[in-house]
Amino acid sequence: MRLLPAPAGSGIVFRRTDLDDFEIPAIGRNVAKVSYATSLMRQGVLISTTEHLLSAFIGMGIDNVIVALDNLELPILDGSALPYVESILESGIHVQRRRREYMRVLKPVEVREGNKFIAVYPGSGYRIQYSIDFPAPIGKQEASIDLAADTYGTQIAGARTFGYKADEKKLRDMGLIRGATRENAIVLGPRGPENGPLRFKDEFVRHKVLDLIGDLALAGRRIEGHVVAERAGHAMHTALVSRLLKDRSAWEMVRVSVAGPAAEQADTIRAVAIRRPALMGA
């Protein structure tokens, strides 16, 4: 996989180099499958497991980029977005002349499904509040983040995906998690993580925030508003995108002159990667 610069206004576009450079824009109408990962499809061509890379782009202020890959699935790497963030910073971020477009939320948009809930409300910046309630040993966790504070690289990017050991056989029999290993996911047994230590004491909810940021990237622009999610997942994340895009009275496009994250963040994020076990108390 390669990340290539793109002209201002291009957005995020996936390019299948093994299929004559066929392109799939990362926008809501191309959402294909949302179960344990988010996939995109256009004219029968599939791109799967997009959420971690999309999350890194939004978190690091990347608006225009071509993602060139020669198969249908993005690399899982270590199960987080941190390797993507590190690579982006090492390559450098170019600030384009064209003003950045945001999707400013004008009125509440909500999605409910039983005890699951997700919504976006008007508000300055891009704030996310997420709560989860999983079976033991996770239980209830909550997290809040303000992406405008440039905390993505150190507070969210390193949170890894996770799964229960007891569910492994069932999921593999369904053709899912085929690439999952102890090197790219937290494996949970009855007593807790079998391949610890955790990078954050609340790493599970932080990863849900990471996924949410990636899924909401499918709105086509970074959101200006406040997002609240309770027990949600990929399907509800993308349902919110769909509902938001369909209600044209719920948002407006605004253009602002905003630079990407400072290059000085690179040293900080690399230090975080090295000191991962020390983050348990973060």
Protein backbone atom coordinates (compact mmCIF):
# COMPACT_ATOMS: atom_id res chain seq x y z
CA MET A 1 0.00 0.00 0.00
CA ARG A 2 1.17 3.53 -0.84
CA LEU A 3 -0.18 6.94 0.15
CA LEU A 4 0.06 9.45 -2.70
CA PRO A 5 -0.47 13.24 -2.65
CA ALA A 6 -3.70 14.44 -4.25
CA PRO A 7 -4.82 17.88 -5.50
CA ALA A 8 -6.90 20.11 -3.25
CA GLY A 9 -10.56 19.16 -3.35
CA SER A 10 -9.88 15.50 -4.23
CA GLY A 11 -10.84 14.06 -0.87
CA ILE A 12 -9.75 10.58 0.17
CA VAL A 13 -9.73 8.08 -2.71
CA PHE A 14 -8.80 4.39 -2.71
CA ARG A 15 -7.15 3.12 -5.90
CA ARG A 16 -6.94 -0.59 -6.74
CA THR A 17 -3.69 -0.85 -8.69
CA ASP A 18 -4.41 -4.53 -9.40
CA LEU A 19 -7.63 -3.56 -11.21
CA ASP A 20 -6.46 -0.94 -13.71
CA ASP A 21 -6.27 1.76 -11.03
CA PHE A 22 -10.02 1.58 -10.35
CA GLU A 23 -10.93 4.28 -7.82
CA ILE A 24 -13.37 4.21 -4.92
CA PRO A 25 -13.91 7.55 -3.12
CA ALA A 26 -14.24 7.29 0.67
CA ILE A 27 -17.79 8.61 0.87
CA GLY A 28 -21.01 7.37 2.41
CA ARG A 29 -22.72 6.17 -0.76
CA ASN A 30 -19.91 3.62 -1.29
CA VAL A 31 -20.34 1.89 2.09
CA ALA A 32 -20.73 -1.84 1.45
CA LYS A 33 -20.36 -3.95 4.58
CA VAL A 34 -20.38 -2.97 8.22
CA SER A 35 -19.99 -5.79 10.71
CA TYR A 36 -16.62 -6.22 12.37
CA ALA A 37 -15.07 -3.73 9.92
CA THR A 38 -16.14 -1.10 7.42
CA SER A 39 -15.87 -1.86 3.71
CA LEU A 40 -16.43 0.21 0.59
CA MET A 41 -17.68 -0.96 -2.80
CA ARG A 42 -18.18 0.67 -6.19
CA GLN A 43 -19.28 -1.19 -9.30
CA GLY A 44 -18.54 -4.50 -7.62
CA VAL A 45 -14.99 -3.57 -6.58
CA LEU A 46 -14.37 -3.92 -2.84
CA ILE A 47 -12.07 -2.27 -0.31
CA SER A 48 -12.26 -3.69 3.22
CA THR A 49 -11.14 -2.66 6.71
CA THR A 50 -10.89 1.05 5.94
CA GLU A 51 -11.64 2.54 9.35
CA HIS A 52 -8.16 2.68 10.91
CA LEU A 53 -6.52 4.46 8.00
CA LEU A 54 -9.45 6.86 7.57
CA SER A 55 -9.27 7.60 11.28
CA ALA A 56 -5.58 8.46 10.98
CA PHE A 57 -6.30 10.83 8.09
CA ILE A 58 -9.00 12.73 9.99
CA GLY A 59 -7.03 12.74 13.22
CA MET A 60 -3.95 14.16 11.53
CA GLY A 61 -5.76 16.66 9.30
CA ILE A 62 -5.29 14.91 5.93
CA ASP A 63 -7.99 16.04 3.50
CA ASN A 64 -6.68 14.94 0.09
CA VAL A 65 -4.85 11.67 -0.55
CA ILE A 66 -4.85 8.67 -2.87
CA VAL A 67 -4.52 5.27 -1.18
CA ALA A 68 -3.01 2.88 -3.72
CA LEU A 69 -3.21 -0.83 -2.91
CA ASP A 70 -3.03 -4.06 -4.87
CA ASN A 71 -5.68 -6.11 -3.03
CA LEU A 72 -9.05 -5.66 -1.38
CA GLU A 73 -7.94 -5.37 2.26
CA LEU A 74 -5.92 -2.69 4.01
CA PRO A 75 -3.09 -3.94 6.25
CA ILE A 76 -4.15 -4.36 9.88
CA LEU A 77 -0.59 -3.65 11.13
CA ASP A 78 -0.67 -3.67 14.95
CA GLY A 79 -4.44 -3.27 15.19
CA SER A 80 -4.32 0.48 15.78
CA ALA A 81 -3.83 3.63 13.70
CA LEU A 82 -0.46 4.50 15.23
CA PRO A 83 1.73 3.00 12.46
CA TYR A 84 -0.23 5.06 9.92
CA VAL A 85 0.21 8.22 11.98
CA GLU A 86 3.94 7.63 12.33
CA SER A 87 4.33 7.07 8.58
CA ILE A 88 2.33 10.19 7.75
CA LEU A 89 4.47 12.34 10.01
CA GLU A 90 7.71 10.84 8.71
CA SER A 91 6.65 11.59 5.14
CA GLY A 92 5.47 15.10 5.99
CA ILE A 93 2.18 16.96 5.64
CA HIS A 94 1.83 19.58 2.91
CA VAL A 95 -0.51 22.50 3.60
CA GLN A 96 -2.41 23.27 0.38
CA ARG A 97 -3.44 26.75 -0.73
CA ARG A 98 -7.13 25.95 -0.95
CA ARG A 99 -9.07 26.56 2.25
CA ARG A 100 -10.16 23.47 4.14
CA GLU A 101 -13.85 22.51 4.05
CA TYR A 102 -15.67 21.37 7.16
CA MET A 103 -19.18 19.96 7.52
CA ARG A 104 -20.70 22.18 10.19
CA VAL A 105 -23.64 20.53 11.95
CA LEU A 106 -26.66 22.84 12.24
CA LYS A 107 -29.19 20.65 14.07
CA PRO A 108 -29.23 17.34 15.99
CA VAL A 109 -29.17 14.12 13.99
CA GLU A 110 -29.78 10.92 16.00
CA VAL A 111 -29.88 7.16 15.41
CA ARG A 112 -31.32 4.73 17.98
CA GLU A 113 -31.48 0.95 17.99
CA GLY A 114 -32.65 -0.60 21.26
CA ASN A 115 -30.17 0.45 23.93
CA LYS A 116 -27.69 1.66 21.29
CA PHE A 117 -27.48 5.32 20.42
CA ILE A 118 -25.39 7.71 18.36
CA ALA A 119 -25.96 11.36 17.53
CA VAL A 120 -24.23 14.50 16.35
CA TYR A 121 -25.10 17.97 17.67
CA PRO A 122 -24.11 21.50 16.72
CA GLY A 123 -20.98 22.74 18.48
CA SER A 124 -17.58 24.24 17.88
CA GLY A 125 -14.63 21.97 17.10
CA TYR A 126 -14.94 18.19 16.77
CA ARG A 127 -15.71 16.60 20.12
CA ILE A 128 -16.55 12.94 20.72
CA GLN A 129 -18.04 11.31 23.80
CA TYR A 130 -18.24 7.51 23.70
CA SER A 131 -19.46 4.99 26.27
CA ILE A 132 -19.33 1.19 26.02
CA ASP A 133 -20.68 -1.68 28.12
CA PHE A 134 -19.13 -5.02 27.21
CA PRO A 135 -19.16 -8.34 29.08
CA ALA A 136 -16.38 -8.94 31.60
CA PRO A 137 -13.53 -8.33 31.76
CA ILE A 138 -14.16 -5.00 29.95
CA GLY A 139 -17.36 -3.73 31.54
CA LYS A 140 -18.27 -0.05 31.27
CA GLN A 141 -15.85 2.58 29.98
CA GLU A 142 -16.24 6.16 28.82
CA ALA A 143 -13.96 8.49 26.89
CA SER A 144 -14.09 12.06 25.61
CA ILE A 145 -11.78 13.70 23.10
CA ASP A 146 -11.53 17.06 21.39
CA LEU A 147 -9.82 16.57 18.04
CA ALA A 148 -9.27 20.31 17.79
CA ALA A 149 -6.75 19.96 20.63
CA ASP A 150 -4.39 17.86 18.45
CA THR A 151 -4.52 14.95 20.90
CA TYR A 152 -5.32 12.23 18.37
CA GLY A 153 -1.75 11.01 17.87
CA THR A 154 -1.03 10.48 21.55
CA GLN A 155 -4.45 9.71 23.02
CA ILE A 156 -6.36 7.71 20.38
CA ALA A 157 -4.13 6.44 17.54
CA GLY A 158 -2.39 3.74 19.61
CA ALA A 159 -5.57 2.05 20.89
CA ARG A 160 -5.80 -1.45 19.41
CA THR A 161 -8.72 -3.54 18.25
CA PHE A 162 -9.85 -6.31 20.59
CA GLY A 163 -11.86 -9.51 20.77
CA TYR A 164 -12.89 -12.29 23.11
CA LYS A 165 -11.01 -15.58 22.94
CA ALA A 166 -14.31 -17.43 23.44
CA ASP A 167 -15.67 -15.94 20.17
CA GLU A 168 -12.66 -16.78 18.02
CA LYS A 169 -13.81 -20.12 16.57
CA LYS A 170 -17.30 -18.85 15.74
CA LEU A 171 -15.94 -15.77 13.97
CA ARG A 172 -13.34 -17.73 12.00
CA ASP A 173 -16.03 -20.23 10.94
CA MET A 174 -17.98 -17.22 9.60
CA GLY A 175 -14.97 -16.18 7.52
CA LEU A 176 -14.20 -13.22 9.75
CA ILE A 177 -11.02 -12.14 11.61
CA ARG A 178 -8.92 -14.35 9.30
CA GLY A 179 -5.92 -12.08 9.75
CA ALA A 180 -6.29 -11.65 13.51
CA THR A 181 -3.27 -12.59 15.63
CA ARG A 182 -1.91 -11.72 19.05
CA GLU A 183 0.32 -9.18 17.33
CA ASN A 184 -2.56 -7.12 15.91
CA ALA A 185 -5.38 -7.45 18.45
CA ILE A 186 -5.96 -7.59 22.19
CA VAL A 187 -7.14 -11.11 23.04
CA LEU A 188 -9.47 -11.20 26.04
CA GLY A 189 -9.77 -14.25 28.24
CA PRO A 190 -11.89 -14.65 31.39
CA ARG A 191 -9.27 -12.88 33.52
CA GLY A 192 -8.38 -10.11 31.12
CA PRO A 193 -5.98 -9.53 28.21
CA GLU A 194 -3.94 -12.63 27.37
CA ASN A 195 -1.35 -10.59 25.46
CA GLY A 196 -0.97 -7.48 27.62
CA PRO A 197 0.01 -5.06 28.88
CA LEU A 198 -2.57 -2.55 27.73
CA ARG A 199 -1.37 0.73 26.23
CA PHE A 200 -4.12 2.62 28.07
CA LYS A 201 -6.18 1.54 31.05
CA ASP A 202 -9.29 2.36 28.97
CA GLU A 203 -7.87 1.17 25.65
CA PHE A 204 -11.12 -0.54 24.63
CA VAL A 205 -13.28 2.59 24.54
CA ARG A 206 -10.44 4.58 23.00
CA HIS A 207 -10.37 2.11 20.13
CA LYS A 208 -14.11 2.59 19.66
CA VAL A 209 -13.43 6.33 19.36
CA LEU A 210 -10.72 5.55 16.80
CA ASP A 211 -13.18 3.48 14.75
CA LEU A 212 -15.87 6.15 15.01
CA ILE A 213 -13.55 8.87 13.69
CA GLY A 214 -12.69 6.65 10.72
CA ASP A 215 -16.29 5.77 9.95
CA LEU A 216 -17.46 9.39 10.18
CA ALA A 217 -14.77 10.30 7.65
CA LEU A 218 -17.20 8.82 5.13
CA ALA A 219 -19.21 12.03 5.41
CA GLY A 220 -16.59 13.29 2.96
CA ARG A 221 -15.38 16.12 5.18
CA ARG A 222 -14.24 16.51 8.76
CA ILE A 223 -17.22 17.28 10.97
CA GLU A 224 -17.63 20.38 13.08
CA GLY A 225 -19.92 19.31 15.88
CA HIS A 226 -20.25 17.15 18.99
CA VAL A 227 -20.77 13.39 18.63
CA VAL A 228 -22.24 11.22 21.39
CA ALA A 229 -22.22 7.42 21.10
CA GLU A 230 -23.46 4.74 23.50
CA ARG A 231 -22.87 1.04 22.78
CA ALA A 232 -22.62 1.85 19.07
CA GLY A 233 -20.53 0.12 16.40
CA HIS A 234 -19.61 0.30 12.72
CA ALA A 235 -23.20 -0.18 11.51
CA MET A 236 -24.53 2.65 13.64
CA HIS A 237 -21.55 4.89 12.85
CA THR A 238 -22.23 4.59 9.13
CA ALA A 239 -26.00 4.86 9.67
CA LEU A 240 -25.37 8.26 11.24
CA VAL A 241 -23.32 9.28 8.20
CA SER A 242 -26.15 8.20 5.90
CA ARG A 243 -28.80 10.06 7.87
CA LEU A 244 -26.65 13.18 8.10
CA LEU A 245 -25.96 13.25 4.36
CA LYS A 246 -29.62 12.73 3.49
CA ASP A 247 -30.78 15.69 5.60
CA ARG A 248 -29.28 18.65 3.75
CA SER A 249 -30.82 21.05 6.28
CA ALA A 250 -28.75 19.48 9.08
CA TRP A 251 -25.38 20.86 7.94
CA GLU A 252 -23.54 23.39 5.84
CA MET A 253 -20.10 23.48 4.26
CA VAL A 254 -17.73 26.07 5.67
CA ARG A 255 -14.24 26.92 4.50
CA VAL A 256 -11.46 27.89 6.88
CA SER A 257 -7.71 28.36 6.61
CA VAL A 258 -6.33 25.64 8.86
CA ALA A 259 -2.83 24.16 8.84
CA GLY A 260 -2.28 20.47 9.43
CA PRO A 261 -0.74 19.24 12.69
CA ALA A 262 2.73 20.60 13.30
CA ALA A 263 5.62 18.44 12.19
CA GLU A 264 7.01 18.70 15.73
CA GLN A 265 4.38 16.12 16.78
CA ALA A 266 6.47 13.40 15.15
CA ASP A 267 8.98 13.10 18.00
CA THR A 268 6.20 13.02 20.60
CA ILE A 269 4.27 10.29 18.80
CA ARG A 270 7.38 8.21 18.19
CA ALA A 271 8.16 8.45 21.91
CA VAL A 272 4.66 7.23 22.71
CA ALA A 273 5.16 4.24 20.43
CA ILE A 274 8.32 3.30 22.29
CA ARG A 275 6.80 3.74 25.76
CA ARG A 276 3.53 1.91 25.07
CA PRO A 277 3.41 -0.15 28.32
CA ALA A 278 3.80 3.04 30.36
CA LEU A 279 0.50 4.32 29.00
CA MET A 280 -1.55 2.01 31.23
CA GLY A 281 -2.24 4.86 33.61
CA ALA A 282 -2.94 7.49 30.95
